[in-house]
N, C-alpha and C. Protein backbone atom coordinates (compact mmCIF):
# COMPACT_ATOMS: atom_id res chain seq x y z
N UNK A 1 0.83 -1.21 0.00
CA UNK A 1 0.00 0.00 0.00
C UNK A 1 0.86 1.25 0.00
N UNK A 2 1.95 1.18 0.79
CA UNK A 2 2.84 2.34 0.88
C UNK A 2 3.46 2.64 -0.47
N UNK A 3 3.92 1.57 -1.17
CA UNK A 3 4.53 1.75 -2.49
C UNK A 3 3.52 2.31 -3.48
N UNK A 4 2.30 1.81 -3.43
CA UNK A 4 1.25 2.30 -4.33
C UNK A 4 0.97 3.77 -4.09
N UNK A 5 1.01 4.16 -2.82
CA UNK A 5 0.76 5.56 -2.49
C UNK A 5 1.84 6.46 -3.05
N UNK A 6 3.09 5.98 -2.96
CA UNK A 6 4.22 6.77 -3.48
C UNK A 6 4.09 6.94 -4.99
N UNK A 7 3.74 5.84 -5.68
CA UNK A 7 3.57 5.89 -7.13
C UNK A 7 2.46 6.86 -7.50
N UNK A 8 1.34 6.78 -6.75
CA UNK A 8 0.20 7.65 -7.02
C UNK A 8 0.57 9.11 -6.83
N UNK A 9 1.31 9.40 -5.76
CA UNK A 9 1.75 10.77 -5.51
C UNK A 9 2.66 11.25 -6.63
N UNK A 10 3.57 10.36 -7.08
CA UNK A 10 4.49 10.72 -8.16
C UNK A 10 3.75 11.04 -9.44
N UNK A 11 2.77 10.21 -9.77
CA UNK A 11 2.00 10.44 -10.98
C UNK A 11 1.21 11.73 -10.89
N UNK A 12 0.67 12.01 -9.70
CA UNK A 12 -0.07 13.25 -9.50
C UNK A 12 0.82 14.46 -9.71
N UNK A 13 2.04 14.39 -9.17
CA UNK A 13 2.98 15.50 -9.32
C UNK A 13 3.37 15.70 -10.78
N UNK A 14 3.59 14.58 -11.50
CA UNK A 14 3.93 14.68 -12.92
C UNK A 14 2.79 15.29 -13.70
N UNK A 15 1.56 14.87 -13.38
CA UNK A 15 0.39 15.43 -14.07
C UNK A 15 0.26 16.91 -13.82
N UNK A 16 0.50 17.32 -12.59
CA UNK A 16 0.41 18.74 -12.25
C UNK A 16 1.48 19.53 -12.97
N UNK A 17 2.69 18.95 -13.06
CA UNK A 17 3.78 19.62 -13.76
C UNK A 17 3.44 19.80 -15.23
N UNK A 18 2.89 18.72 -15.85
CA UNK A 18 2.52 18.81 -17.26
C UNK A 18 1.45 19.85 -17.49
N UNK A 19 0.46 19.88 -16.60
CA UNK A 19 -0.61 20.88 -16.73
C UNK A 19 -0.06 22.27 -16.56
N UNK A 20 0.91 22.42 -15.64
CA UNK A 20 1.51 23.73 -15.42
C UNK A 20 2.25 24.21 -16.64
N UNK A 21 2.98 23.30 -17.29
CA UNK A 21 3.71 23.67 -18.51
C UNK A 21 2.74 24.09 -19.60
N UNK A 22 1.63 23.35 -19.74
CA UNK A 22 0.64 23.69 -20.77
C UNK A 22 0.02 25.05 -20.48
N UNK A 23 -0.29 25.29 -19.18
CA UNK A 23 -0.88 26.58 -18.82
C UNK A 23 0.07 27.72 -19.12
N UNK A 24 1.37 27.48 -18.89
CA UNK A 24 2.37 28.52 -19.17
C UNK A 24 2.38 28.87 -20.64
N UNK A 25 2.30 27.85 -21.51
CA UNK A 25 2.29 28.10 -22.95
C UNK A 25 1.09 28.93 -23.35
N UNK A 26 -0.06 28.62 -22.76
CA UNK A 26 -1.28 29.36 -23.08
C UNK A 26 -1.16 30.80 -22.60
N UNK A 27 -0.67 30.97 -21.37
CA UNK A 27 -0.56 32.30 -20.80
C UNK A 27 0.38 33.18 -21.62
N UNK A 28 1.44 32.59 -22.15
CA UNK A 28 2.40 33.36 -22.92
C UNK A 28 1.79 33.91 -24.20
N UNK A 29 0.82 33.19 -24.78
CA UNK A 29 0.25 33.61 -26.05
C UNK A 29 -1.09 34.32 -25.91
N UNK A 30 -1.77 34.15 -24.78
CA UNK A 30 -3.04 34.83 -24.58
C UNK A 30 -2.83 36.33 -24.61
N UNK A 31 -3.72 37.03 -25.28
CA UNK A 31 -3.62 38.48 -25.31
C UNK A 31 -2.68 39.02 -26.36
N UNK A 32 -2.14 38.16 -27.23
CA UNK A 32 -1.27 38.63 -28.31
C UNK A 32 -2.14 39.35 -29.33
N UNK A 33 -2.00 40.65 -29.41
CA UNK A 33 -2.81 41.44 -30.33
C UNK A 33 -2.30 41.31 -31.76
N UNK A 34 -3.11 41.79 -32.69
CA UNK A 34 -2.69 41.78 -34.09
C UNK A 34 -1.41 42.60 -34.28
N UNK A 35 -1.32 43.72 -33.56
CA UNK A 35 -0.14 44.58 -33.68
C UNK A 35 1.11 43.86 -33.21
N UNK A 36 1.00 43.16 -32.09
CA UNK A 36 2.14 42.40 -31.57
C UNK A 36 2.51 41.28 -32.53
N UNK A 37 1.50 40.59 -33.06
CA UNK A 37 1.76 39.50 -34.01
C UNK A 37 2.48 40.02 -35.25
N UNK A 38 2.02 41.14 -35.77
CA UNK A 38 2.67 41.74 -36.94
C UNK A 38 4.13 42.06 -36.64
N UNK A 39 4.37 42.64 -35.46
CA UNK A 39 5.73 43.03 -35.11
C UNK A 39 6.63 41.82 -34.94
N UNK A 40 6.11 40.75 -34.34
CA UNK A 40 6.89 39.53 -34.16
C UNK A 40 7.27 38.94 -35.52
N UNK A 41 6.35 38.97 -36.46
CA UNK A 41 6.64 38.47 -37.81
C UNK A 41 7.68 39.34 -38.49
N UNK A 42 7.52 40.66 -38.38
CA UNK A 42 8.46 41.59 -39.01
C UNK A 42 9.85 41.45 -38.41
N UNK A 43 9.93 41.36 -37.10
CA UNK A 43 11.23 41.22 -36.43
C UNK A 43 11.91 39.92 -36.81
N UNK A 44 11.13 38.84 -36.87
CA UNK A 44 11.69 37.56 -37.24
C UNK A 44 12.23 37.55 -38.66
N UNK A 45 11.49 38.17 -39.57
CA UNK A 45 11.95 38.24 -40.96
C UNK A 45 13.22 39.07 -41.09
N UNK A 46 13.31 40.14 -40.32
CA UNK A 46 14.53 40.96 -40.34
C UNK A 46 15.74 40.15 -39.89
N UNK A 47 15.57 39.35 -38.86
CA UNK A 47 16.67 38.49 -38.39
C UNK A 47 17.07 37.50 -39.46
N UNK A 48 16.08 36.93 -40.13
CA UNK A 48 16.34 35.95 -41.18
C UNK A 48 17.10 36.57 -42.35
N UNK A 49 16.70 37.77 -42.76
CA UNK A 49 17.31 38.44 -43.91
C UNK A 49 18.80 38.69 -43.68
N UNK A 50 19.17 39.06 -42.46
CA UNK A 50 20.58 39.36 -42.18
C UNK A 50 21.31 38.16 -41.56
N UNK A 51 20.67 37.00 -41.60
CA UNK A 51 21.27 35.75 -41.11
C UNK A 51 21.68 35.85 -39.64
N UNK A 52 20.82 36.46 -38.84
CA UNK A 52 21.05 36.54 -37.40
C UNK A 52 19.85 35.96 -36.65
N UNK A 53 19.46 34.77 -37.08
CA UNK A 53 18.28 34.14 -36.50
C UNK A 53 18.49 33.82 -35.02
N UNK A 54 17.41 33.96 -34.27
CA UNK A 54 17.43 33.61 -32.84
C UNK A 54 17.02 32.15 -32.63
N UNK A 55 16.38 31.55 -33.64
CA UNK A 55 15.87 30.17 -33.55
C UNK A 55 15.10 29.96 -32.24
N UNK A 56 14.08 30.78 -31.99
CA UNK A 56 13.35 30.69 -30.72
C UNK A 56 12.48 29.44 -30.63
N UNK A 57 12.23 29.02 -29.41
CA UNK A 57 11.26 27.94 -29.15
C UNK A 57 11.52 26.68 -29.95
N UNK A 58 12.78 26.28 -30.01
CA UNK A 58 13.14 25.05 -30.71
C UNK A 58 13.90 24.09 -29.80
N UNK A 59 13.61 24.17 -28.51
CA UNK A 59 14.29 23.34 -27.52
C UNK A 59 13.40 22.20 -27.04
N UNK A 60 14.02 21.26 -26.32
CA UNK A 60 13.25 20.17 -25.73
C UNK A 60 12.26 20.72 -24.70
N UNK A 61 12.66 21.78 -24.01
CA UNK A 61 11.78 22.39 -23.03
C UNK A 61 10.53 22.96 -23.69
N UNK A 62 10.71 23.60 -24.83
CA UNK A 62 9.56 24.15 -25.55
C UNK A 62 8.65 23.03 -26.04
N UNK A 63 9.26 21.94 -26.51
CA UNK A 63 8.46 20.81 -26.98
C UNK A 63 7.58 20.27 -25.86
N UNK A 64 8.15 20.15 -24.66
CA UNK A 64 7.38 19.67 -23.51
C UNK A 64 6.32 20.69 -23.10
N UNK A 65 6.67 21.95 -23.22
CA UNK A 65 5.77 23.03 -22.79
C UNK A 65 4.47 23.04 -23.56
N UNK A 66 4.54 22.74 -24.86
CA UNK A 66 3.34 22.84 -25.71
C UNK A 66 2.73 21.49 -26.05
N UNK A 67 3.25 20.43 -25.47
CA UNK A 67 2.76 19.10 -25.82
C UNK A 67 1.27 18.94 -25.54
N UNK A 68 0.79 19.60 -24.51
CA UNK A 68 -0.62 19.45 -24.13
C UNK A 68 -1.55 20.39 -24.87
N UNK A 69 -1.02 21.34 -25.62
CA UNK A 69 -1.88 22.27 -26.34
C UNK A 69 -1.10 23.36 -27.02
N UNK A 70 -1.67 23.91 -28.08
CA UNK A 70 -1.00 24.96 -28.84
C UNK A 70 -1.74 26.29 -28.71
N UNK A 71 -0.98 27.35 -28.83
CA UNK A 71 -1.56 28.70 -28.81
C UNK A 71 -0.70 29.59 -29.71
N UNK A 72 -0.74 29.38 -31.03
CA UNK A 72 0.09 30.17 -31.95
C UNK A 72 -0.31 31.63 -31.94
N UNK A 73 0.66 32.51 -32.20
CA UNK A 73 0.34 33.94 -32.16
C UNK A 73 -0.14 34.48 -33.51
N UNK A 74 0.01 33.70 -34.58
CA UNK A 74 -0.46 34.12 -35.90
C UNK A 74 -0.69 32.90 -36.78
N UNK A 75 -1.50 33.09 -37.82
CA UNK A 75 -1.72 32.04 -38.82
C UNK A 75 -1.19 32.54 -40.16
N UNK A 76 -0.60 31.63 -40.92
CA UNK A 76 -0.04 31.97 -42.23
C UNK A 76 -0.65 31.07 -43.28
N UNK A 77 -1.23 31.66 -44.32
CA UNK A 77 -1.66 30.91 -45.51
C UNK A 77 -0.62 31.21 -46.58
N UNK A 78 0.19 30.21 -46.90
CA UNK A 78 1.29 30.45 -47.83
C UNK A 78 1.31 29.41 -48.94
N UNK A 79 2.16 29.66 -49.92
CA UNK A 79 2.35 28.72 -51.01
C UNK A 79 3.10 27.49 -50.48
N UNK A 80 2.92 26.36 -51.16
CA UNK A 80 3.60 25.13 -50.77
C UNK A 80 5.03 25.07 -51.30
N UNK A 81 5.47 26.08 -52.02
CA UNK A 81 6.82 26.12 -52.59
C UNK A 81 7.87 25.83 -51.52
N UNK A 82 8.79 24.92 -51.82
CA UNK A 82 9.80 24.50 -50.85
C UNK A 82 10.76 25.60 -50.45
N UNK A 83 10.77 26.69 -51.21
CA UNK A 83 11.68 27.81 -50.91
C UNK A 83 11.06 28.82 -49.96
N UNK A 84 9.82 28.58 -49.54
CA UNK A 84 9.11 29.59 -48.74
C UNK A 84 8.52 28.96 -47.47
N UNK A 85 9.35 28.40 -46.59
CA UNK A 85 8.83 27.84 -45.34
C UNK A 85 8.61 28.94 -44.29
N UNK A 86 7.38 29.21 -43.90
CA UNK A 86 7.10 30.34 -43.00
C UNK A 86 7.88 30.33 -41.68
N UNK A 87 7.98 29.16 -41.05
CA UNK A 87 8.69 29.12 -39.77
C UNK A 87 10.15 29.55 -39.91
N UNK A 88 10.73 29.30 -41.08
CA UNK A 88 12.13 29.67 -41.31
C UNK A 88 12.26 31.15 -41.64
N UNK A 89 11.46 31.64 -42.59
CA UNK A 89 11.64 33.03 -43.04
C UNK A 89 11.15 34.05 -42.01
N UNK A 90 10.37 33.58 -41.02
CA UNK A 90 9.96 34.47 -39.93
C UNK A 90 10.70 34.15 -38.63
N UNK A 91 11.65 33.22 -38.70
CA UNK A 91 12.48 32.85 -37.55
C UNK A 91 11.63 32.56 -36.32
N UNK A 92 10.75 31.60 -36.45
CA UNK A 92 9.87 31.20 -35.36
C UNK A 92 10.09 29.73 -35.04
N UNK A 93 9.48 29.27 -33.95
CA UNK A 93 9.71 27.90 -33.52
C UNK A 93 8.45 27.11 -33.29
N UNK A 94 8.57 26.08 -32.45
CA UNK A 94 7.45 25.19 -32.18
C UNK A 94 6.30 25.94 -31.53
N UNK A 95 5.11 25.76 -32.08
CA UNK A 95 3.92 26.34 -31.48
C UNK A 95 3.71 27.81 -31.73
N UNK A 96 4.57 28.44 -32.53
CA UNK A 96 4.46 29.89 -32.76
C UNK A 96 3.49 30.24 -33.88
N UNK A 97 3.51 29.46 -34.96
CA UNK A 97 2.70 29.79 -36.13
C UNK A 97 1.77 28.63 -36.49
N UNK A 98 0.56 28.98 -36.89
CA UNK A 98 -0.39 28.01 -37.43
C UNK A 98 -0.32 28.16 -38.95
N UNK A 99 0.25 27.17 -39.62
CA UNK A 99 0.59 27.32 -41.04
C UNK A 99 -0.28 26.43 -41.92
N UNK A 100 -0.86 27.04 -42.95
CA UNK A 100 -1.62 26.32 -43.97
C UNK A 100 -0.93 26.60 -45.30
N UNK A 101 -0.54 25.53 -46.02
CA UNK A 101 0.22 25.73 -47.25
C UNK A 101 -0.44 25.00 -48.42
N UNK A 102 -0.70 25.76 -49.48
CA UNK A 102 -1.20 25.20 -50.74
C UNK A 102 -0.50 25.92 -51.89
N UNK A 103 -0.27 25.20 -52.97
CA UNK A 103 0.34 25.82 -54.14
C UNK A 103 -0.49 27.02 -54.57
N UNK A 104 0.18 28.16 -54.75
CA UNK A 104 -0.51 29.37 -55.16
C UNK A 104 -1.21 30.09 -54.03
N UNK A 105 -0.97 29.64 -52.78
CA UNK A 105 -1.64 30.21 -51.60
C UNK A 105 -3.11 30.52 -51.85
N UNK A 106 -3.78 29.55 -52.48
CA UNK A 106 -5.20 29.73 -52.79
C UNK A 106 -6.05 29.39 -51.57
N UNK A 107 -7.30 29.80 -51.61
CA UNK A 107 -8.22 29.51 -50.51
C UNK A 107 -9.28 28.54 -50.99
N UNK A 108 -9.20 27.30 -50.50
CA UNK A 108 -10.24 26.33 -50.77
C UNK A 108 -10.82 25.88 -49.44
N UNK A 109 -11.83 25.01 -49.48
CA UNK A 109 -12.61 24.72 -48.28
C UNK A 109 -11.78 24.22 -47.10
N UNK A 110 -10.89 23.27 -47.36
CA UNK A 110 -10.10 22.72 -46.25
C UNK A 110 -9.17 23.77 -45.66
N UNK A 111 -8.61 24.61 -46.51
CA UNK A 111 -7.74 25.69 -46.03
C UNK A 111 -8.53 26.69 -45.20
N UNK A 112 -9.71 27.05 -45.69
CA UNK A 112 -10.57 27.98 -44.96
C UNK A 112 -10.96 27.41 -43.60
N UNK A 113 -11.35 26.14 -43.60
CA UNK A 113 -11.72 25.50 -42.34
C UNK A 113 -10.57 25.48 -41.35
N UNK A 114 -9.37 25.25 -41.85
CA UNK A 114 -8.19 25.23 -40.98
C UNK A 114 -7.96 26.60 -40.36
N UNK A 115 -8.07 27.65 -41.17
CA UNK A 115 -7.87 29.00 -40.66
C UNK A 115 -8.98 29.40 -39.69
N UNK A 116 -10.20 29.00 -40.00
CA UNK A 116 -11.31 29.26 -39.07
C UNK A 116 -11.04 28.59 -37.73
N UNK A 117 -10.51 27.39 -37.77
CA UNK A 117 -10.18 26.68 -36.54
C UNK A 117 -9.14 27.45 -35.72
N UNK A 118 -8.14 27.99 -36.40
CA UNK A 118 -7.09 28.73 -35.69
C UNK A 118 -7.64 29.96 -34.98
N UNK A 119 -8.62 30.59 -35.60
CA UNK A 119 -9.22 31.79 -35.02
C UNK A 119 -10.22 31.44 -33.92
N UNK A 120 -11.12 30.51 -34.24
CA UNK A 120 -12.21 30.16 -33.33
C UNK A 120 -11.73 29.40 -32.09
N UNK A 121 -10.80 28.47 -32.27
CA UNK A 121 -10.42 27.58 -31.18
C UNK A 121 -9.04 27.83 -30.60
N UNK A 122 -8.16 28.47 -31.36
CA UNK A 122 -6.80 28.70 -30.87
C UNK A 122 -6.54 30.16 -30.50
N UNK A 123 -7.51 31.02 -30.78
CA UNK A 123 -7.37 32.41 -30.39
C UNK A 123 -6.48 33.26 -31.27
N UNK A 124 -6.23 32.82 -32.49
CA UNK A 124 -5.40 33.61 -33.41
C UNK A 124 -6.12 34.91 -33.77
N UNK A 125 -5.40 36.02 -33.68
CA UNK A 125 -5.98 37.34 -34.00
C UNK A 125 -5.46 37.92 -35.30
N UNK A 126 -4.48 37.25 -35.91
CA UNK A 126 -3.87 37.80 -37.13
C UNK A 126 -3.56 36.69 -38.12
N UNK A 127 -4.00 36.90 -39.36
CA UNK A 127 -3.70 35.97 -40.46
C UNK A 127 -2.91 36.72 -41.52
N UNK A 128 -1.87 36.08 -42.03
CA UNK A 128 -1.13 36.63 -43.16
C UNK A 128 -1.27 35.69 -44.36
N UNK A 129 -1.63 36.27 -45.51
CA UNK A 129 -1.62 35.53 -46.77
C UNK A 129 -0.29 35.85 -47.44
N UNK A 130 0.53 34.83 -47.67
CA UNK A 130 1.89 35.04 -48.14
C UNK A 130 2.11 34.44 -49.53
N UNK A 131 2.29 35.32 -50.52
CA UNK A 131 2.67 34.88 -51.85
C UNK A 131 4.16 35.05 -52.04
N UNK A 132 4.66 34.74 -53.22
CA UNK A 132 6.09 34.89 -53.46
C UNK A 132 6.38 35.08 -54.94
N UNK A 133 7.55 35.60 -55.21
CA UNK A 133 7.99 35.82 -56.59
C UNK A 133 8.05 34.51 -57.37
N UNK A 134 7.87 34.61 -58.67
CA UNK A 134 8.07 33.49 -59.58
C UNK A 134 7.31 32.22 -59.14
N UNK A 135 6.10 32.43 -58.68
CA UNK A 135 5.26 31.32 -58.21
C UNK A 135 4.86 30.42 -59.38
N UNK A 136 5.12 29.14 -59.27
CA UNK A 136 4.82 28.21 -60.35
C UNK A 136 3.33 28.10 -60.64
N UNK A 137 2.50 28.13 -59.60
CA UNK A 137 1.06 28.05 -59.80
C UNK A 137 0.55 29.28 -60.54
N UNK A 138 1.10 30.44 -60.20
CA UNK A 138 0.72 31.67 -60.90
C UNK A 138 1.18 31.63 -62.34
N UNK A 139 2.38 31.14 -62.57
CA UNK A 139 2.89 31.02 -63.94
C UNK A 139 2.01 30.11 -64.78
N UNK A 140 1.51 29.03 -64.17
CA UNK A 140 0.62 28.12 -64.89
C UNK A 140 -0.70 28.81 -65.23
N UNK A 141 -1.20 29.62 -64.31
CA UNK A 141 -2.45 30.35 -64.56
C UNK A 141 -2.27 31.38 -65.66
N UNK A 142 -1.13 32.05 -65.66
CA UNK A 142 -0.84 33.05 -66.69
C UNK A 142 -0.69 32.38 -68.05
N UNK A 143 -0.06 31.23 -68.07
CA UNK A 143 0.15 30.50 -69.33
C UNK A 143 -1.18 30.03 -69.91
N UNK A 144 -2.09 29.61 -69.05
CA UNK A 144 -3.40 29.16 -69.51
C UNK A 144 -3.35 27.78 -70.13
N UNK A 145 -4.43 27.38 -70.77
CA UNK A 145 -4.49 26.08 -71.40
C UNK A 145 -4.89 24.99 -70.40
N UNK A 146 -4.92 23.76 -70.89
CA UNK A 146 -5.32 22.63 -70.05
C UNK A 146 -4.19 22.24 -69.11
N UNK A 147 -4.52 22.06 -67.84
CA UNK A 147 -3.54 21.61 -66.85
C UNK A 147 -3.89 20.17 -66.47
N UNK A 148 -2.90 19.30 -66.35
CA UNK A 148 -3.17 17.89 -66.06
C UNK A 148 -3.67 17.66 -64.64
N UNK A 149 -4.47 16.63 -64.46
CA UNK A 149 -4.93 16.23 -63.14
C UNK A 149 -5.64 17.34 -62.39
N UNK A 150 -5.37 17.38 -61.09
CA UNK A 150 -6.01 18.38 -60.24
C UNK A 150 -5.30 19.72 -60.24
N UNK A 151 -4.22 19.83 -61.01
CA UNK A 151 -3.52 21.11 -61.11
C UNK A 151 -4.47 22.16 -61.68
N UNK A 152 -5.42 21.71 -62.48
CA UNK A 152 -6.38 22.64 -63.06
C UNK A 152 -7.17 23.41 -62.02
N UNK A 153 -7.39 22.80 -60.84
CA UNK A 153 -8.13 23.49 -59.78
C UNK A 153 -7.34 24.68 -59.24
N UNK A 154 -6.01 24.56 -59.23
CA UNK A 154 -5.16 25.68 -58.81
C UNK A 154 -5.26 26.82 -59.80
N UNK A 155 -5.14 26.47 -61.07
CA UNK A 155 -5.20 27.48 -62.14
C UNK A 155 -6.55 28.20 -62.12
N UNK A 156 -7.62 27.43 -61.93
CA UNK A 156 -8.96 28.02 -61.91
C UNK A 156 -9.11 29.01 -60.76
N UNK A 157 -8.54 28.68 -59.61
CA UNK A 157 -8.66 29.56 -58.44
C UNK A 157 -7.91 30.87 -58.63
N UNK A 158 -6.80 30.83 -59.38
CA UNK A 158 -5.97 32.02 -59.58
C UNK A 158 -6.43 32.84 -60.78
N UNK A 159 -7.22 32.25 -61.67
CA UNK A 159 -7.61 32.90 -62.92
C UNK A 159 -8.24 34.28 -62.74
N UNK A 160 -9.11 34.50 -61.74
CA UNK A 160 -9.68 35.84 -61.58
C UNK A 160 -8.62 36.92 -61.37
N UNK A 161 -7.53 36.58 -60.69
CA UNK A 161 -6.44 37.53 -60.49
C UNK A 161 -5.74 37.83 -61.80
N UNK A 162 -5.60 36.81 -62.65
CA UNK A 162 -4.99 37.00 -63.97
C UNK A 162 -5.84 37.95 -64.80
N UNK A 163 -7.13 37.71 -64.82
CA UNK A 163 -8.04 38.55 -65.61
C UNK A 163 -8.03 40.00 -65.12
N UNK A 164 -7.87 40.18 -63.83
CA UNK A 164 -7.94 41.52 -63.26
C UNK A 164 -6.76 42.39 -63.67
N UNK A 165 -5.58 41.80 -63.82
CA UNK A 165 -4.38 42.63 -64.06
C UNK A 165 -3.75 42.40 -65.42
N UNK A 166 -4.40 41.62 -66.28
CA UNK A 166 -3.79 41.26 -67.55
C UNK A 166 -3.39 42.48 -68.38
N UNK A 167 -4.19 43.54 -68.33
CA UNK A 167 -3.91 44.72 -69.15
C UNK A 167 -3.03 45.76 -68.45
N UNK A 168 -2.64 45.48 -67.22
CA UNK A 168 -1.81 46.44 -66.49
C UNK A 168 -0.36 46.39 -66.96
N UNK A 169 0.36 47.52 -66.87
CA UNK A 169 1.78 47.53 -67.25
C UNK A 169 2.62 46.76 -66.24
N UNK A 170 3.81 46.38 -66.65
CA UNK A 170 4.71 45.66 -65.75
C UNK A 170 4.71 44.17 -66.01
N UNK A 171 5.46 43.44 -65.22
CA UNK A 171 5.56 41.99 -65.37
C UNK A 171 4.25 41.33 -64.97
N UNK A 172 3.68 40.55 -65.86
CA UNK A 172 2.35 39.97 -65.61
C UNK A 172 2.37 39.00 -64.43
N UNK A 173 3.39 38.16 -64.36
CA UNK A 173 3.45 37.19 -63.26
C UNK A 173 3.55 37.90 -61.91
N UNK A 174 4.41 38.91 -61.82
CA UNK A 174 4.53 39.67 -60.57
C UNK A 174 3.21 40.33 -60.21
N UNK A 175 2.55 40.89 -61.21
CA UNK A 175 1.27 41.56 -60.96
C UNK A 175 0.21 40.57 -60.48
N UNK A 176 0.21 39.38 -61.06
CA UNK A 176 -0.78 38.37 -60.67
C UNK A 176 -0.48 37.85 -59.26
N UNK A 177 0.79 37.69 -58.94
CA UNK A 177 1.16 37.26 -57.58
C UNK A 177 0.54 38.19 -56.55
N UNK A 178 0.70 39.49 -56.76
CA UNK A 178 0.16 40.48 -55.82
C UNK A 178 -1.37 40.49 -55.85
N UNK A 179 -1.94 40.43 -57.05
CA UNK A 179 -3.40 40.45 -57.18
C UNK A 179 -4.03 39.21 -56.55
N UNK A 180 -3.36 38.09 -56.69
CA UNK A 180 -3.86 36.84 -56.11
C UNK A 180 -3.86 36.91 -54.58
N UNK A 181 -2.78 37.45 -54.02
CA UNK A 181 -2.71 37.62 -52.56
C UNK A 181 -3.83 38.54 -52.09
N UNK A 182 -3.99 39.67 -52.77
CA UNK A 182 -5.03 40.64 -52.39
C UNK A 182 -6.42 40.01 -52.49
N UNK A 183 -6.63 39.20 -53.51
CA UNK A 183 -7.93 38.54 -53.69
C UNK A 183 -8.23 37.59 -52.53
N UNK A 184 -7.22 36.81 -52.14
CA UNK A 184 -7.42 35.85 -51.04
C UNK A 184 -7.64 36.58 -49.71
N UNK A 185 -6.94 37.70 -49.52
CA UNK A 185 -7.16 38.50 -48.32
C UNK A 185 -8.62 38.92 -48.22
N UNK A 186 -9.18 39.40 -49.33
CA UNK A 186 -10.57 39.83 -49.33
C UNK A 186 -11.52 38.65 -49.14
N UNK A 187 -11.17 37.50 -49.70
CA UNK A 187 -11.99 36.31 -49.50
C UNK A 187 -12.06 35.93 -48.02
N UNK A 188 -10.94 36.03 -47.35
CA UNK A 188 -10.90 35.71 -45.93
C UNK A 188 -11.69 36.72 -45.10
N UNK A 189 -11.49 37.99 -45.39
CA UNK A 189 -12.17 39.04 -44.63
C UNK A 189 -13.69 38.97 -44.78
N UNK A 190 -14.15 38.51 -45.91
CA UNK A 190 -15.59 38.48 -46.17
C UNK A 190 -16.21 37.10 -45.97
N UNK A 191 -15.41 36.15 -45.48
CA UNK A 191 -15.89 34.78 -45.32
C UNK A 191 -16.88 34.67 -44.16
N UNK A 192 -18.11 34.33 -44.49
CA UNK A 192 -19.15 34.21 -43.48
C UNK A 192 -19.46 32.74 -43.19
N UNK A 193 -19.90 32.43 -41.97
CA UNK A 193 -20.23 33.40 -40.91
C UNK A 193 -19.08 33.71 -39.96
N UNK A 194 -18.00 32.93 -39.99
CA UNK A 194 -17.00 33.05 -38.94
C UNK A 194 -16.05 34.24 -39.06
N UNK A 195 -15.18 34.21 -40.07
CA UNK A 195 -14.10 35.20 -40.13
C UNK A 195 -14.61 36.62 -40.30
N UNK A 196 -15.62 36.79 -41.13
CA UNK A 196 -16.17 38.14 -41.35
C UNK A 196 -16.65 38.76 -40.05
N UNK A 197 -17.22 37.94 -39.18
CA UNK A 197 -17.72 38.44 -37.90
C UNK A 197 -16.56 38.86 -36.99
N UNK A 198 -15.49 38.08 -36.99
CA UNK A 198 -14.32 38.44 -36.19
C UNK A 198 -13.70 39.74 -36.70
N UNK A 199 -13.63 39.88 -38.01
CA UNK A 199 -13.08 41.11 -38.60
C UNK A 199 -13.95 42.30 -38.24
N UNK A 200 -15.26 42.12 -38.36
CA UNK A 200 -16.22 43.19 -38.07
C UNK A 200 -16.10 43.67 -36.63
N UNK A 201 -15.85 42.75 -35.72
CA UNK A 201 -15.74 43.09 -34.30
C UNK A 201 -14.35 43.57 -33.91
N UNK A 202 -13.45 43.64 -34.88
CA UNK A 202 -12.09 44.09 -34.59
C UNK A 202 -11.24 43.06 -33.88
N UNK A 203 -11.64 41.80 -33.95
CA UNK A 203 -10.91 40.73 -33.28
C UNK A 203 -9.96 39.98 -34.22
N UNK A 204 -9.95 40.36 -35.49
CA UNK A 204 -9.10 39.68 -36.46
C UNK A 204 -8.63 40.64 -37.53
N UNK A 205 -7.34 40.59 -37.85
CA UNK A 205 -6.80 41.34 -38.98
C UNK A 205 -6.22 40.35 -39.98
N UNK A 206 -6.28 40.72 -41.25
CA UNK A 206 -5.75 39.87 -42.32
C UNK A 206 -4.87 40.73 -43.22
N UNK A 207 -3.60 40.37 -43.33
CA UNK A 207 -2.66 41.09 -44.18
C UNK A 207 -2.25 40.23 -45.36
N UNK A 208 -1.88 40.89 -46.45
CA UNK A 208 -1.29 40.21 -47.60
C UNK A 208 0.17 40.60 -47.70
N UNK A 209 1.01 39.67 -48.13
CA UNK A 209 2.44 39.95 -48.24
C UNK A 209 3.05 39.11 -49.36
N UNK A 210 4.21 39.56 -49.84
CA UNK A 210 4.93 38.84 -50.89
C UNK A 210 6.37 38.63 -50.45
N UNK A 211 6.86 37.42 -50.61
CA UNK A 211 8.22 37.05 -50.24
C UNK A 211 9.15 37.18 -51.44
N UNK A 212 10.28 37.85 -51.23
CA UNK A 212 11.29 38.01 -52.28
C UNK A 212 12.27 36.84 -52.21
N UNK A 213 12.29 36.02 -53.23
CA UNK A 213 13.14 34.84 -53.24
C UNK A 213 14.63 35.19 -53.22
N UNK A 214 14.97 36.37 -53.70
CA UNK A 214 16.38 36.74 -53.81
C UNK A 214 16.97 37.28 -52.51
N UNK A 215 16.27 38.20 -51.87
CA UNK A 215 16.83 38.80 -50.65
C UNK A 215 16.16 38.33 -49.36
N UNK A 216 15.09 37.54 -49.47
CA UNK A 216 14.45 36.97 -48.29
C UNK A 216 13.48 37.89 -47.58
N UNK A 217 13.26 39.07 -48.11
CA UNK A 217 12.39 40.03 -47.43
C UNK A 217 10.91 39.73 -47.70
N UNK A 218 10.11 39.94 -46.68
CA UNK A 218 8.66 39.85 -46.80
C UNK A 218 8.11 41.27 -46.83
N UNK A 219 7.43 41.61 -47.92
CA UNK A 219 6.89 42.96 -48.09
C UNK A 219 5.37 42.92 -47.92
N UNK A 220 4.87 43.70 -46.98
CA UNK A 220 3.43 43.77 -46.74
C UNK A 220 2.77 44.60 -47.83
N UNK A 221 1.70 44.09 -48.41
CA UNK A 221 0.99 44.82 -49.45
C UNK A 221 0.08 45.87 -48.84
N UNK A 222 -0.09 47.00 -49.53
CA UNK A 222 -0.96 48.07 -49.02
C UNK A 222 -2.42 47.62 -49.01
């Protein structure tokens, strides 16, 4: 009986410690405003650009801290391009970002549901839609024609952005990259019933940005 009691006490202490670590992770992220989230992303990208990354929250302690639950400070909808990993270019770590990645950073049902989850259940107050230079999905949409398999669904989603800027001066692919990001931002802001309500109440901001493949900078679109 004595041994069983010791084991029970030990398990209780371990459980309390685990709960305490989880609570700490939640407390650290609760109350992160859109302004703070934007600044954390901007600061992280600046560190990445000059190769002075802090590599935050990538320790065994951090892994244990968030094992029981996540509380990311921002959500990122980005392209699936292997050259544009959000956690790397924003110099963030475990549990910091809620990332959804699809070729062309398009918004389809599963992506929308994922972002809604981050806002409704994880308390995310800021979403960034992140496009990038020389995007292959955008290039396919600009090229037009039949796309094999399900690639056609990507092209179809980006096509309205192509049509919008086709007659504008400048590089068409670059223009479509920006127009596509802006289009997805508006889709998110107006998405009912969830996200639009959060935006209306001032509880959610959505920014669009473009990543420069050459210098690593993330530029926020007006």
